[in-house]
PDB file of N, CA and C in Angstrom:
ATOM      1  N   MET A   1     -89.836 193.233 167.221  1.00  0.00           N
ATOM      2  CA  MET A   1     -89.836 194.515 166.554  1.00  0.00           C
ATOM      3  C   MET A   1     -90.554 195.551 167.419  1.00  0.00           C
ATOM      4  N   ASP A   2     -89.960 196.715 167.609  1.00  0.00           N
ATOM      5  CA  ASP A   2     -90.535 197.780 168.417  1.00  0.00           C
ATOM      6  C   ASP A   2     -91.611 198.508 167.616  1.00  0.00           C
ATOM      7  N   LYS A   3     -92.829 198.596 168.161  1.00  0.00           N
ATOM      8  CA  LYS A   3     -93.948 199.207 167.439  1.00  0.00           C
ATOM      9  C   LYS A   3     -94.259 200.614 167.951  1.00  0.00           C
ATOM     10  N   ARG A   4     -93.335 201.235 168.656  1.00  0.00           N
ATOM     11  CA  ARG A   4     -93.559 202.578 169.183  1.00  0.00           C
ATOM     12  C   ARG A   4     -93.642 203.590 168.042  1.00  0.00           C
ATOM     13  N   ARG A   5     -94.431 204.659 168.303  1.00  0.00           N
ATOM     14  CA  ARG A   5     -94.592 205.717 167.298  1.00  0.00           C
ATOM     15  C   ARG A   5     -93.348 206.586 167.196  1.00  0.00           C
ATOM     16  N   GLU A   6     -92.704 206.852 168.325  1.00  0.00           N
ATOM     17  CA  GLU A   6     -91.511 207.702 168.333  1.00  0.00           C
ATOM     18  C   GLU A   6     -90.372 206.978 169.040  1.00  0.00           C
ATOM     19  N   PRO A   7     -89.148 207.359 168.724  1.00  0.00           N
ATOM     20  CA  PRO A   7     -88.016 206.747 169.437  1.00  0.00           C
ATOM     21  C   PRO A   7     -87.965 207.234 170.887  1.00  0.00           C
ATOM     22  N   ARG A   8     -87.498 206.367 171.770  1.00  0.00           N
ATOM     23  CA  ARG A   8     -87.312 206.718 173.175  1.00  0.00           C
ATOM     24  C   ARG A   8     -85.885 207.189 173.377  1.00  0.00           C
ATOM     25  N   VAL A   9     -85.747 208.232 174.185  1.00  0.00           N
ATOM     26  CA  VAL A   9     -84.425 208.770 174.501  1.00  0.00           C
ATOM     27  C   VAL A   9     -84.111 208.406 175.949  1.00  0.00           C
ATOM     28  N   PRO A  10     -83.041 207.645 176.206  1.00  0.00           N
ATOM     29  CA  PRO A  10     -82.691 207.332 177.592  1.00  0.00           C
ATOM     30  C   PRO A  10     -82.267 208.613 178.320  1.00  0.00           C
ATOM     31  N   ILE A  11     -82.748 208.764 179.570  1.00  0.00           N
ATOM     32  CA  ILE A  11     -82.440 209.989 180.326  1.00  0.00           C
ATOM     33  C   ILE A  11     -81.726 209.661 181.632  1.00  0.00           C
ATOM     34  N   ASP A  12     -82.268 208.755 182.441  1.00  0.00           N
ATOM     35  CA  ASP A  12     -81.689 208.355 183.719  1.00  0.00           C
ATOM     36  C   ASP A  12     -81.385 209.559 184.619  1.00  0.00           C
ATOM     37  N   GLN A  13     -82.454 210.293 184.984  1.00  0.00           N
ATOM     38  CA  GLN A  13     -82.329 211.485 185.824  1.00  0.00           C
ATOM     39  C   GLN A  13     -83.259 211.389 187.027  1.00  0.00           C
ATOM     40  N   CYS A  14     -82.807 211.943 188.155  1.00  0.00           N
ATOM     41  CA  CYS A  14     -83.665 212.051 189.329  1.00  0.00           C
ATOM     42  C   CYS A  14     -84.795 213.026 189.018  1.00  0.00           C
ATOM     43  N   ALA A  15     -85.977 212.738 189.535  1.00  0.00           N
ATOM     44  CA  ALA A  15     -87.147 213.572 189.282  1.00  0.00           C
ATOM     45  C   ALA A  15     -88.061 213.543 190.504  1.00  0.00           C
ATOM     46  N   ARG A  16     -89.057 214.395 190.468  1.00  0.00           N
ATOM     47  CA  ARG A  16     -90.091 214.440 191.507  1.00  0.00           C
ATOM     48  C   ARG A  16     -91.421 214.209 190.806  1.00  0.00           C
ATOM     49  N   LEU A  17     -92.186 213.199 191.270  1.00  0.00           N
ATOM     50  CA  LEU A  17     -93.476 212.876 190.691  1.00  0.00           C
ATOM     51  C   LEU A  17     -94.568 213.273 191.659  1.00  0.00           C
ATOM     52  N   THR A  18     -95.557 213.998 191.175  1.00  0.00           N
ATOM     53  CA  THR A  18     -96.716 214.400 191.976  1.00  0.00           C
ATOM     54  C   THR A  18     -97.963 213.796 191.360  1.00  0.00           C
ATOM     55  N   VAL A  19     -98.770 213.124 192.186  1.00  0.00           N
ATOM     56  CA  VAL A  19    -100.042 212.573 191.722  1.00  0.00           C
ATOM     57  C   VAL A  19    -101.075 213.694 191.812  1.00  0.00           C
ATOM     58  N   LEU A  20    -101.772 213.958 190.718  1.00  0.00           N
ATOM     59  CA  LEU A  20    -102.693 215.091 190.647  1.00  0.00           C
ATOM     60  C   LEU A  20    -104.147 214.662 190.840  1.00  0.00           C
ATOM     61  N   ASP A  21    -104.377 213.835 191.866  1.00  0.00           N
ATOM     62  CA  ASP A  21    -105.727 213.353 192.145  1.00  0.00           C
ATOM     63  C   ASP A  21    -106.312 213.967 193.408  1.00  0.00           C
ATOM     64  N   GLY A  22    -105.642 214.994 193.959  1.00  0.00           N
ATOM     65  CA  GLY A  22    -106.115 215.628 195.181  1.00  0.00           C
ATOM     66  C   GLY A  22    -105.540 215.012 196.440  1.00  0.00           C
ATOM     67  N   SER A  23    -104.789 213.919 196.307  1.00  0.00           N
ATOM     68  CA  SER A  23    -104.226 213.240 197.478  1.00  0.00           C
ATOM     69  C   SER A  23    -102.991 213.959 198.009  1.00  0.00           C
ATOM     70  N   GLY A  24    -102.353 214.756 197.182  1.00  0.00           N
ATOM     71  CA  GLY A  24    -101.127 215.428 197.591  1.00  0.00           C
ATOM     72  C   GLY A  24     -99.914 214.519 197.605  1.00  0.00           C
ATOM     73  N   ARG A  25    -100.029 213.312 197.039  1.00  0.00           N
ATOM     74  CA  ARG A  25     -98.905 212.370 197.021  1.00  0.00           C
ATOM     75  C   ARG A  25     -97.776 212.881 196.147  1.00  0.00           C
ATOM     76  N   VAL A  26     -96.588 212.958 196.734  1.00  0.00           N
ATOM     77  CA  VAL A  26     -95.376 213.365 196.019  1.00  0.00           C
ATOM     78  C   VAL A  26     -94.313 212.325 196.331  1.00  0.00           C
ATOM     79  N   MET A  27     -93.547 211.944 195.328  1.00  0.00           N
ATOM     80  CA  MET A  27     -92.506 210.938 195.570  1.00  0.00           C
ATOM     81  C   MET A  27     -91.281 211.204 194.715  1.00  0.00           C
ATOM     82  N   ASP A  28     -90.148 210.788 195.235  1.00  0.00           N
ATOM     83  CA  ASP A  28     -88.919 210.802 194.460  1.00  0.00           C
ATOM     84  C   ASP A  28     -89.045 209.723 193.396  1.00  0.00           C
ATOM     85  N   ALA A  29     -88.535 210.000 192.223  1.00  0.00           N
ATOM     86  CA  ALA A  29     -88.626 209.059 191.118  1.00  0.00           C
ATOM     87  C   ALA A  29     -87.363 209.174 190.276  1.00  0.00           C
ATOM     88  N   ARG A  30     -87.267 208.319 189.294  1.00  0.00           N
ATOM     89  CA  ARG A  30     -86.147 208.365 188.360  1.00  0.00           C
ATOM     90  C   ARG A  30     -86.737 208.296 186.957  1.00  0.00           C
ATOM     91  N   LEU A  31     -86.464 209.302 186.153  1.00  0.00           N
ATOM     92  CA  LEU A  31     -86.937 209.331 184.781  1.00  0.00           C
ATOM     93  C   LEU A  31     -85.993 208.455 183.956  1.00  0.00           C
ATOM     94  N   ALA A  32     -86.518 207.357 183.437  1.00  0.00           N
ATOM     95  CA  ALA A  32     -85.689 206.391 182.708  1.00  0.00           C
ATOM     96  C   ALA A  32     -85.535 206.757 181.237  1.00  0.00           C
ATOM     97  N   ASN A  33     -86.659 207.115 180.596  1.00  0.00           N
ATOM     98  CA  ASN A  33     -86.595 207.522 179.196  1.00  0.00           C
ATOM     99  C   ASN A  33     -87.813 208.369 178.856  1.00  0.00           C
ATOM    100  N   VAL A  34     -87.731 209.028 177.712  1.00  0.00           N
ATOM    101  CA  VAL A  34     -88.815 209.909 177.288  1.00  0.00           C
ATOM    102  C   VAL A  34     -88.893 209.899 175.766  1.00  0.00           C
ATOM    103  N   SER A  35     -90.090 210.072 175.248  1.00  0.00           N
ATOM    104  CA  SER A  35     -90.307 210.228 173.809  1.00  0.00           C
ATOM    105  C   SER A  35     -91.241 211.415 173.629  1.00  0.00           C
ATOM    106  N   GLU A  36     -91.634 211.668 172.415  1.00  0.00           N
ATOM    107  CA  GLU A  36     -92.514 212.806 172.152  1.00  0.00           C
ATOM    108  C   GLU A  36     -93.850 212.674 172.885  1.00  0.00           C
ATOM    109  N   SER A  37     -94.357 211.462 173.045  1.00  0.00           N
ATOM    110  CA  SER A  37     -95.681 211.300 173.651  1.00  0.00           C
ATOM    111  C   SER A  37     -95.700 210.433 174.903  1.00  0.00           C
ATOM    112  N   GLY A  38     -94.535 209.988 175.382  1.00  0.00           N
ATOM    113  CA  GLY A  38     -94.535 209.119 176.542  1.00  0.00           C
ATOM    114  C   GLY A  38     -93.252 209.186 177.334  1.00  0.00           C
ATOM    115  N   ALA A  39     -93.294 208.568 178.507  1.00  0.00           N
ATOM    116  CA  ALA A  39     -92.112 208.504 179.365  1.00  0.00           C
ATOM    117  C   ALA A  39     -92.214 207.262 180.235  1.00  0.00           C
ATOM    118  N   ARG A  40     -91.065 206.813 180.711  1.00  0.00           N
ATOM    119  CA  ARG A  40     -90.999 205.710 181.672  1.00  0.00           C
ATOM    120  C   ARG A  40     -90.318 206.257 182.909  1.00  0.00           C
ATOM    121  N   VAL A  41     -91.001 206.107 184.053  1.00  0.00           N
ATOM    122  CA  VAL A  41     -90.529 206.633 185.324  1.00  0.00           C
ATOM    123  C   VAL A  41     -90.449 205.474 186.313  1.00  0.00           C
ATOM    124  N   LEU A  42     -89.374 205.427 187.094  1.00  0.00           N
ATOM    125  CA  LEU A  42     -89.219 204.406 188.126  1.00  0.00           C
ATOM    126  C   LEU A  42     -89.623 205.022 189.457  1.00  0.00           C
ATOM    127  N   THR A  43     -90.542 204.371 190.174  1.00  0.00           N
ATOM    128  CA  THR A  43     -91.094 204.914 191.419  1.00  0.00           C
ATOM    129  C   THR A  43     -91.064 203.865 192.529  1.00  0.00           C
ATOM    130  N   PRO A  44     -91.136 204.312 193.790  1.00  0.00           N
ATOM    131  CA  PRO A  44     -91.167 203.363 194.902  1.00  0.00           C
ATOM    132  C   PRO A  44     -92.561 202.777 195.144  1.00  0.00           C
ATOM    133  N   GLN A  45     -93.596 203.350 194.515  1.00  0.00           N
ATOM    134  CA  GLN A  45     -94.974 202.904 194.716  1.00  0.00           C
ATOM    135  C   GLN A  45     -95.644 202.627 193.382  1.00  0.00           C
ATOM    136  N   ALA A  46     -96.581 201.681 193.392  1.00  0.00           N
ATOM    137  CA  ALA A  46     -97.394 201.435 192.200  1.00  0.00           C
ATOM    138  C   ALA A  46     -98.365 202.597 192.021  1.00  0.00           C
ATOM    139  N   LEU A  47     -98.706 202.893 190.781  1.00  0.00           N
ATOM    140  CA  LEU A  47     -99.673 203.947 190.475  1.00  0.00           C
ATOM    141  C   LEU A  47    -100.772 203.355 189.600  1.00  0.00           C
ATOM    142  N   ALA A  48    -102.008 203.698 189.897  1.00  0.00           N
ATOM    143  CA  ALA A  48    -103.144 203.154 189.161  1.00  0.00           C
ATOM    144  C   ALA A  48    -103.221 203.715 187.745  1.00  0.00           C
ATOM    145  N   GLN A  49    -103.614 202.873 186.824  1.00  0.00           N
ATOM    146  CA  GLN A  49    -103.792 203.303 185.444  1.00  0.00           C
ATOM    147  C   GLN A  49    -104.812 204.436 185.396  1.00  0.00           C
ATOM    148  N   GLY A  50    -104.503 205.465 184.613  1.00  0.00           N
ATOM    149  CA  GLY A  50    -105.414 206.596 184.452  1.00  0.00           C
ATOM    150  C   GLY A  50    -105.153 207.769 185.382  1.00  0.00           C
ATOM    151  N   LEU A  51    -104.297 207.580 186.406  1.00  0.00           N
ATOM    152  CA  LEU A  51    -104.003 208.686 187.321  1.00  0.00           C
ATOM    153  C   LEU A  51    -103.281 209.815 186.599  1.00  0.00           C
ATOM    154  N   PRO A  52    -103.704 211.057 186.820  1.00  0.00           N
ATOM    155  CA  PRO A  52    -102.960 212.185 186.264  1.00  0.00           C
ATOM    156  C   PRO A  52    -101.737 212.471 187.140  1.00  0.00           C
ATOM    157  N   VAL A  53    -100.593 212.739 186.506  1.00  0.00           N
ATOM    158  CA  VAL A  53     -99.361 212.989 187.251  1.00  0.00           C
ATOM    159  C   VAL A  53     -98.580 214.147 186.637  1.00  0.00           C
ATOM    160  N   LYS A  54     -97.703 214.700 187.474  1.00  0.00           N
ATOM    161  CA  LYS A  54     -96.764 215.735 187.046  1.00  0.00           C
ATOM    162  C   LYS A  54     -95.378 215.224 187.385  1.00  0.00           C
ATOM    163  N   VAL A  55     -94.430 215.343 186.454  1.00  0.00           N
ATOM    164  CA  VAL A  55     -93.049 214.945 186.682  1.00  0.00           C
ATOM    165  C   VAL A  55     -92.178 216.179 186.471  1.00  0.00           C
ATOM    166  N   GLU A  56     -91.368 216.501 187.482  1.00  0.00           N
ATOM    167  CA  GLU A  56     -90.474 217.650 187.406  1.00  0.00           C
ATOM    168  C   GLU A  56     -89.035 217.173 187.519  1.00  0.00           C
ATOM    169  N   TRP A  57     -88.188 217.698 186.627  1.00  0.00           N
ATOM    170  CA  TRP A  57     -86.758 217.461 186.751  1.00  0.00           C
ATOM    171  C   TRP A  57     -86.044 218.620 186.084  1.00  0.00           C
ATOM    172  N   GLY A  58     -85.020 219.098 186.771  1.00  0.00           N
ATOM    173  CA  GLY A  58     -84.291 220.248 186.251  1.00  0.00           C
ATOM    174  C   GLY A  58     -85.234 221.403 185.988  1.00  0.00           C
ATOM    175  N   GLU A  59     -85.203 221.921 184.790  1.00  0.00           N
ATOM    176  CA  GLU A  59     -86.066 223.038 184.395  1.00  0.00           C
ATOM    177  C   GLU A  59     -87.187 222.568 183.475  1.00  0.00           C
ATOM    178  N   THR A  60     -87.587 221.291 183.648  1.00  0.00           N
ATOM    179  CA  THR A  60     -88.595 220.678 182.790  1.00  0.00           C
ATOM    180  C   THR A  60     -89.775 220.187 183.607  1.00  0.00           C
ATOM    181  N   LEU A  61     -90.965 220.330 183.041  1.00  0.00           N
ATOM    182  CA  LEU A  61     -92.206 219.870 183.662  1.00  0.00           C
ATOM    183  C   LEU A  61     -92.965 219.035 182.639  1.00  0.00           C
ATOM    184  N   LEU A  62     -93.296 217.803 183.017  1.00  0.00           N
ATOM    185  CA  LEU A  62     -94.091 216.912 182.168  1.00  0.00           C
ATOM    186  C   LEU A  62     -95.408 216.632 182.863  1.00  0.00           C
ATOM    187  N   MET A  63     -96.491 216.615 182.111  1.00  0.00           N
ATOM    188  CA  MET A  63     -97.797 216.263 182.672  1.00  0.00           C
ATOM    189  C   MET A  63     -98.414 215.190 181.797  1.00  0.00           C
ATOM    190  N   GLY A  64     -98.978 214.187 182.457  1.00  0.00           N
ATOM    191  CA  GLY A  64     -99.563 213.096 181.699  1.00  0.00           C
ATOM    192  C   GLY A  64    -100.403 212.190 182.563  1.00  0.00           C
ATOM    193  N   GLU A  65    -100.650 211.015 182.029  1.00  0.00           N
ATOM    194  CA  GLU A  65    -101.518 210.038 182.670  1.00  0.00           C
ATOM    195  C   GLU A  65    -100.810 208.691 182.716  1.00  0.00           C
ATOM    196  N   VAL A  66    -100.998 207.976 183.823  1.00  0.00           N
ATOM    197  CA  VAL A  66    -100.385 206.656 183.971  1.00  0.00           C
ATOM    198  C   VAL A  66    -101.027 205.680 182.991  1.00  0.00           C
ATOM    199  N   ARG A  67    -100.190 205.041 182.217  1.00  0.00           N
ATOM    200  CA  ARG A  67    -100.666 204.022 181.272  1.00  0.00           C
ATOM    201  C   ARG A  67    -100.536 202.621 181.869  1.00  0.00           C
ATOM    202  N   TYR A  68     -99.422 202.381 182.576  1.00  0.00           N
ATOM    203  CA  TYR A  68     -99.212 201.092 183.240  1.00  0.00           C
ATOM    204  C   TYR A  68     -98.271 201.289 184.410  1.00  0.00           C
ATOM    205  N   SER A  69     -98.273 200.337 185.320  1.00  0.00           N
ATOM    206  CA  SER A  69     -97.369 200.325 186.465  1.00  0.00           C
ATOM    207  C   SER A  69     -97.067 198.865 186.763  1.00  0.00           C
ATOM    208  N   GLU A  70     -95.782 198.487 186.673  1.00  0.00           N
ATOM    209  CA  GLU A  70     -95.423 197.087 186.882  1.00  0.00           C
ATOM    210  C   GLU A  70     -94.166 196.986 187.737  1.00  0.00           C
ATOM    211  N   TRP A  71     -94.104 195.964 188.553  1.00  0.00           N
ATOM    212  CA  TRP A  71     -92.951 195.729 189.417  1.00  0.00           C
ATOM    213  C   TRP A  71     -91.762 195.324 188.557  1.00  0.00           C
ATOM    214  N   ALA A  72     -90.614 195.968 188.805  1.00  0.00           N
ATOM    215  CA  ALA A  72     -89.397 195.662 188.049  1.00  0.00           C
ATOM    216  C   ALA A  72     -88.215 195.727 189.007  1.00  0.00           C
ATOM    217  N   ASN A  73     -87.775 194.584 189.503  1.00  0.00           N
ATOM    218  CA  ASN A  73     -86.657 194.481 190.446  1.00  0.00           C
ATOM    219  C   ASN A  73     -86.992 195.161 191.760  1.00  0.00           C
ATOM    220  N   SER A  74     -86.439 196.334 192.040  1.00  0.00           N
ATOM    221  CA  SER A  74     -86.622 196.971 193.352  1.00  0.00           C
ATOM    222  C   SER A  74     -87.512 198.204 193.299  1.00  0.00           C
ATOM    223  N   HIS A  75     -88.276 198.375 192.216  1.00  0.00           N
ATOM    224  CA  HIS A  75     -89.108 199.568 192.060  1.00  0.00           C
ATOM    225  C   HIS A  75     -90.238 199.259 191.073  1.00  0.00           C
ATOM    226  N   TYR A  76     -91.122 200.219 190.894  1.00  0.00           N
ATOM    227  CA  TYR A  76     -92.174 200.094 189.896  1.00  0.00           C
ATOM    228  C   TYR A  76     -91.771 200.871 188.650  1.00  0.00           C
ATOM    229  N   ALA A  77     -91.963 200.269 187.501  1.00  0.00           N
ATOM    230  CA  ALA A  77     -91.763 200.954 186.221  1.00  0.00           C
ATOM    231  C   ALA A  77     -93.131 201.460 185.794  1.00  0.00           C
ATOM    232  N   VAL A  78     -93.238 202.774 185.649  1.00  0.00           N
ATOM    233  CA  VAL A  78     -94.514 203.411 185.343  1.00  0.00           C
ATOM    234  C   VAL A  78     -94.426 204.054 183.962  1.00  0.00           C
ATOM    235  N   GLY A  79     -95.328 203.654 183.086  1.00  0.00           N
ATOM    236  CA  GLY A  79     -95.395 204.244 181.752  1.00  0.00           C
ATOM    237  C   GLY A  79     -96.391 205.382 181.746  1.00  0.00           C
ATOM    238  N   LEU A  80     -96.013 206.488 181.132  1.00  0.00           N
ATOM    239  CA  LEU A  80     -96.878 207.669 181.086  1.00  0.00           C
ATOM    240  C   LEU A  80     -97.217 208.040 179.653  1.00  0.00           C
ATOM    241  N   ASP A  81     -98.471 208.416 179.428  1.00  0.00           N
ATOM    242  CA  ASP A  81     -98.877 209.081 178.196  1.00  0.00           C
ATOM    243  C   ASP A  81     -98.779 210.567 178.491  1.00  0.00           C
ATOM    244  N   LEU A  82     -97.919 211.280 177.785  1.00  0.00           N
ATOM    245  CA  LEU A  82     -97.704 212.696 178.057  1.00  0.00           C
ATOM    246  C   LEU A  82     -98.726 213.562 177.332  1.00  0.00           C
ATOM    247  N   GLU A  83     -99.275 214.523 178.081  1.00  0.00           N
ATOM    248  CA  GLU A  83    -100.222 215.482 177.523  1.00  0.00           C
ATOM    249  C   GLU A  83     -99.542 216.820 177.250  1.00  0.00           C
ATOM    250  N   HIS A  84     -98.646 217.228 178.175  1.00  0.00           N
ATOM    251  CA  HIS A  84     -97.971 218.518 178.072  1.00  0.00           C
ATOM    252  C   HIS A  84     -96.530 218.382 178.530  1.00  0.00           C
ATOM    253  N   ALA A  85     -95.655 219.174 177.922  1.00  0.00           N
ATOM    254  CA  ALA A  85     -94.260 219.239 178.346  1.00  0.00           C
ATOM    255  C   ALA A  85     -93.807 220.691 178.242  1.00  0.00           C
ATOM    256  N   LEU A  86     -93.215 221.204 179.322  1.00  0.00           N
ATOM    257  CA  LEU A  86     -92.676 222.560 179.338  1.00  0.00           C
ATOM    258  C   LEU A  86     -91.195 222.473 179.642  1.00  0.00           C
ATOM    259  N   TYR A  87     -90.397 223.152 178.838  1.00  0.00           N
ATOM    260  CA  TYR A  87     -88.957 223.145 178.988  1.00  0.00           C
ATOM    261  C   TYR A  87     -88.474 224.560 179.292  1.00  0.00           C
ATOM    262  N   ASP A  88     -87.308 224.692 179.924  1.00  0.00           N
ATOM    263  CA  ASP A  88     -86.717 225.998 180.232  1.00  0.00           C
ATOM    264  C   ASP A  88     -87.693 226.884 181.005  1.00  0.00           C
ATOM    265  N   LEU A  89     -88.215 226.385 182.114  1.00  0.00           N
ATOM    266  CA  LEU A  89     -89.233 227.102 182.884  1.00  0.00           C
ATOM    267  C   LEU A  89     -88.829 228.511 183.310  1.00  0.00           C
ATOM    268  N   PRO A  90     -87.599 228.773 183.733  1.00  0.00           N
ATOM    269  CA  PRO A  90     -87.259 230.156 184.096  1.00  0.00           C
ATOM    270  C   PRO A  90     -87.390 231.117 182.909  1.00  0.00           C
ATOM    271  N   VAL A  91     -87.027 230.654 181.722  1.00  0.00           N
ATOM    272  CA  VAL A  91     -87.157 231.493 180.530  1.00  0.00           C
ATOM    273  C   VAL A  91     -88.632 231.744 180.226  1.00  0.00           C
ATOM    274  N   LEU A  92     -89.467 230.713 180.342  1.00  0.00           N
ATOM    275  CA  LEU A  92     -90.895 230.880 180.106  1.00  0.00           C
ATOM    276  C   LEU A  92     -91.517 231.852 181.104  1.00  0.00           C
ATOM    277  N   ALA A  93     -91.114 231.762 182.369  1.00  0.00           N
ATOM    278  CA  ALA A  93     -91.640 232.674 183.387  1.00  0.00           C
ATOM    279  C   ALA A  93     -91.243 234.115 183.084  1.00  0.00           C
ATOM    280  N   ARG A  94     -90.019 234.319 182.677  1.00  0.00           N
ATOM    281  CA  ARG A  94     -89.548 235.666 182.345  1.00  0.00           C
ATOM    282  C   ARG A  94     -90.331 236.234 181.158  1.00  0.00           C
ATOM    283  N   LEU A  95     -90.531 235.423 180.123  1.00  0.00           N
ATOM    284  CA  LEU A  95     -91.291 235.867 178.957  1.00  0.00           C
ATOM    285  C   LEU A  95     -92.740 236.184 179.312  1.00  0.00           C
ATOM    286  N   ALA A  96     -93.349 235.344 180.154  1.00  0.00           N
ATOM    287  CA  ALA A  96     -94.730 235.591 180.581  1.00  0.00           C
ATOM    288  C   ALA A  96     -94.827 236.912 181.332  1.00  0.00           C
ATOM    289  N   ASN A  97     -93.884 237.174 182.229  1.00  0.00           N
ATOM    290  CA  ASN A  97     -93.886 238.444 182.968  1.00  0.00           C
ATOM    291  C   ASN A  97     -93.742 239.626 182.022  1.00  0.00           C
ATOM    292  N   GLU A  98     -92.875 239.502 181.028  1.00  0.00           N
ATOM    293  CA  GLU A  98     -92.695 240.589 180.057  1.00  0.00           C
ATOM    294  C   GLU A  98     -93.973 240.820 179.261  1.00  0.00           C
ATOM    295  N   LEU A  99     -94.619 239.734 178.810  1.00  0.00           N
ATOM    296  CA  LEU A  99     -95.849 239.860 178.031  1.00  0.00           C
ATOM    297  C   LEU A  99     -96.982 240.481 178.844  1.00  0.00           C
ATOM    298  N   LEU A 100     -97.038 240.154 180.125  1.00  0.00           N
ATOM    299  CA  LEU A 100     -98.093 240.667 180.989  1.00  0.00           C
ATOM    300  C   LEU A 100     -97.768 242.042 181.554  1.00  0.00           C
ATOM    301  N   GLY A 101     -96.558 242.528 181.287  1.00  0.00           N
ATOM    302  CA  GLY A 101     -96.172 243.835 181.789  1.00  0.00           C
ATOM    303  C   GLY A 101     -95.845 243.853 183.265  1.00  0.00           C
ATOM    304  N   HIS A 102     -95.557 242.699 183.835  1.00  0.00           N
ATOM    305  CA  HIS A 102     -95.182 242.614 185.244  1.00  0.00           C
ATOM    306  C   HIS A 102     -93.689 242.852 185.384  1.00  0.00           C
ATOM    307  N   PRO A 103     -93.276 243.402 186.512  1.00  0.00           N
ATOM    308  CA  PRO A 103     -91.829 243.537 186.722  1.00  0.00           C
ATOM    309  C   PRO A 103     -91.190 242.148 186.758  1.00  0.00           C
ATOM    310  N   ILE A 104     -90.000 242.065 186.228  1.00  0.00           N
ATOM    311  CA  ILE A 104     -89.299 240.778 186.175  1.00  0.00           C
ATOM    312  C   ILE A 104     -88.561 240.554 187.482  1.00  0.00           C
ATOM    313  N   ASP A 105     -88.839 239.429 188.117  1.00  0.00           N
ATOM    314  CA  ASP A 105     -88.179 239.057 189.365  1.00  0.00           C
ATOM    315  C   ASP A 105     -86.910 238.304 189.013  1.00  0.00           C
ATOM    316  N   GLU A 106     -85.770 238.960 189.088  1.00  0.00           N
ATOM    317  CA  GLU A 106     -84.492 238.345 188.716  1.00  0.00           C
ATOM    318  C   GLU A 106     -84.096 237.222 189.660  1.00  0.00           C
ATOM    319  N   SER A 107     -84.710 237.140 190.827  1.00  0.00           N
ATOM    320  CA  SER A 107     -84.354 236.069 191.765  1.00  0.00           C
ATOM    321  C   SER A 107     -85.065 234.765 191.416  1.00  0.00           C
ATOM    322  N   PHE A 108     -85.986 234.826 190.434  1.00  0.00           N
ATOM    323  CA  PHE A 108     -86.720 233.627 190.073  1.00  0.00           C
ATOM    324  C   PHE A 108     -85.780 232.590 189.483  1.00  0.00           C
ATOM    325  N   ALA A 109     -85.778 231.434 190.069  1.00  0.00           N
ATOM    326  CA  ALA A 109     -85.000 230.310 189.525  1.00  0.00           C
ATOM    327  C   ALA A 109     -85.567 229.034 190.120  1.00  0.00           C
ATOM    328  N   LEU A 110     -85.593 228.010 189.341  1.00  0.00           N
ATOM    329  CA  LEU A 110     -86.036 226.712 189.859  1.00  0.00           C
ATOM    330  C   LEU A 110     -84.918 226.079 190.657  1.00  0.00           C
ATOM    331  N   ALA A 111     -85.277 225.442 191.744  1.00  0.00           N
ATOM    332  CA  ALA A 111     -84.278 224.727 192.546  1.00  0.00           C
ATOM    333  C   ALA A 111     -83.752 223.550 191.738  1.00  0.00           C
ATOM    334  N   ASP A 112     -82.488 223.266 191.890  1.00  0.00           N
ATOM    335  CA  ASP A 112     -81.915 222.105 191.234  1.00  0.00           C
ATOM    336  C   ASP A 112     -82.378 220.876 191.993  1.00  0.00           C
ATOM    337  N   ARG A 113     -83.390 220.201 191.475  1.00  0.00           N
ATOM    338  CA  ARG A 113     -84.017 219.075 192.167  1.00  0.00           C
ATOM    339  C   ARG A 113     -83.071 217.896 192.317  1.00  0.00           C
ATOM    340  N   SER A 114     -82.052 217.836 191.489  1.00  0.00           N
ATOM    341  CA  SER A 114     -81.141 216.699 191.567  1.00  0.00           C
ATOM    342  C   SER A 114     -80.360 216.703 192.885  1.00  0.00           C
ATOM    343  N   GLN A 115     -80.229 217.856 193.533  1.00  0.00           N
ATOM    344  CA  GLN A 115     -79.514 217.906 194.804  1.00  0.00           C
ATOM    345  C   GLN A 115     -80.357 217.386 195.957  1.00  0.00           C
ATOM    346  N   ASN A 116     -81.678 217.502 195.843  1.00  0.00           N
ATOM    347  CA  ASN A 116     -82.564 217.142 196.942  1.00  0.00           C
ATOM    348  C   ASN A 116     -83.339 215.858 196.705  1.00  0.00           C
ATOM    349  N   THR A 117     -83.099 215.177 195.612  1.00  0.00           N
ATOM    350  CA  THR A 117     -83.868 213.998 195.266  1.00  0.00           C
ATOM    351  C   THR A 117     -83.011 212.761 195.372  1.00  0.00           C
ATOM    352  N   LYS A 118     -83.524 211.776 196.106  1.00  0.00           N
ATOM    353  CA  LYS A 118     -82.822 210.506 196.229  1.00  0.00           C
ATOM    354  C   LYS A 118     -83.245 209.596 195.088  1.00  0.00           C
ATOM    355  N   THR A 119     -82.427 208.608 194.802  1.00  0.00           N
ATOM    356  CA  THR A 119     -82.808 207.626 193.791  1.00  0.00           C
ATOM    357  C   THR A 119     -83.872 206.715 194.378  1.00  0.00           C
ATOM    358  N   VAL A 120     -84.561 206.008 193.505  1.00  0.00           N
ATOM    359  CA  VAL A 120     -85.607 205.101 193.930  1.00  0.00           C
ATOM    360  C   VAL A 120     -85.045 203.994 194.805  1.00  0.00           C
ATOM    361  N   ASP A 121     -83.793 203.605 194.576  1.00  0.00           N
ATOM    362  CA  ASP A 121     -83.190 202.510 195.328  1.00  0.00           C
ATOM    363  C   ASP A 121     -82.754 202.906 196.731  1.00  0.00           C
ATOM    364  N   ASP A 122     -82.690 204.215 197.051  1.00  0.00           N
ATOM    365  CA  ASP A 122     -82.254 204.657 198.373  1.00  0.00           C
ATOM    366  C   ASP A 122     -83.262 204.330 199.451  1.00  0.00           C
TER     367      ASP A 122
END
C-alpha cells in the first residue's frame, strides 16, 4: 500500500539540476515524477541527503532538498522534498516588472532546455 501524502504525477522530462551548496555543480537530469511536496529525478551522480538543489525544466523552477539517492540501473534515482515551485516564469517576470514599474523587456524568454539537455543515459 502506498503511504504517500499526495499522488505522484509521471512527467519523464529532461531537466537541469543545480546543487546549491556553493560547488557550482550542474548536471543534466530527467524528472521522473512530481507531487505537491516531492519529486523523483534521475541523475548521473549520487547526491548527499540534505543537499539543497534547484531543478529547471521548461518554464518551471523547483527548489528543494535531497531526501535520498539510490543507484537504479544506469543512473541514480534522487528523491526531493520540495520547498518552492514556480511555474510560467516568463509570465511571473513580466508581472514583477509591471508591479515594480520597470519597462517590460519583450525579449525575455526562457530557453527551451529540452533542446540542450541530454538524457541521463547519454
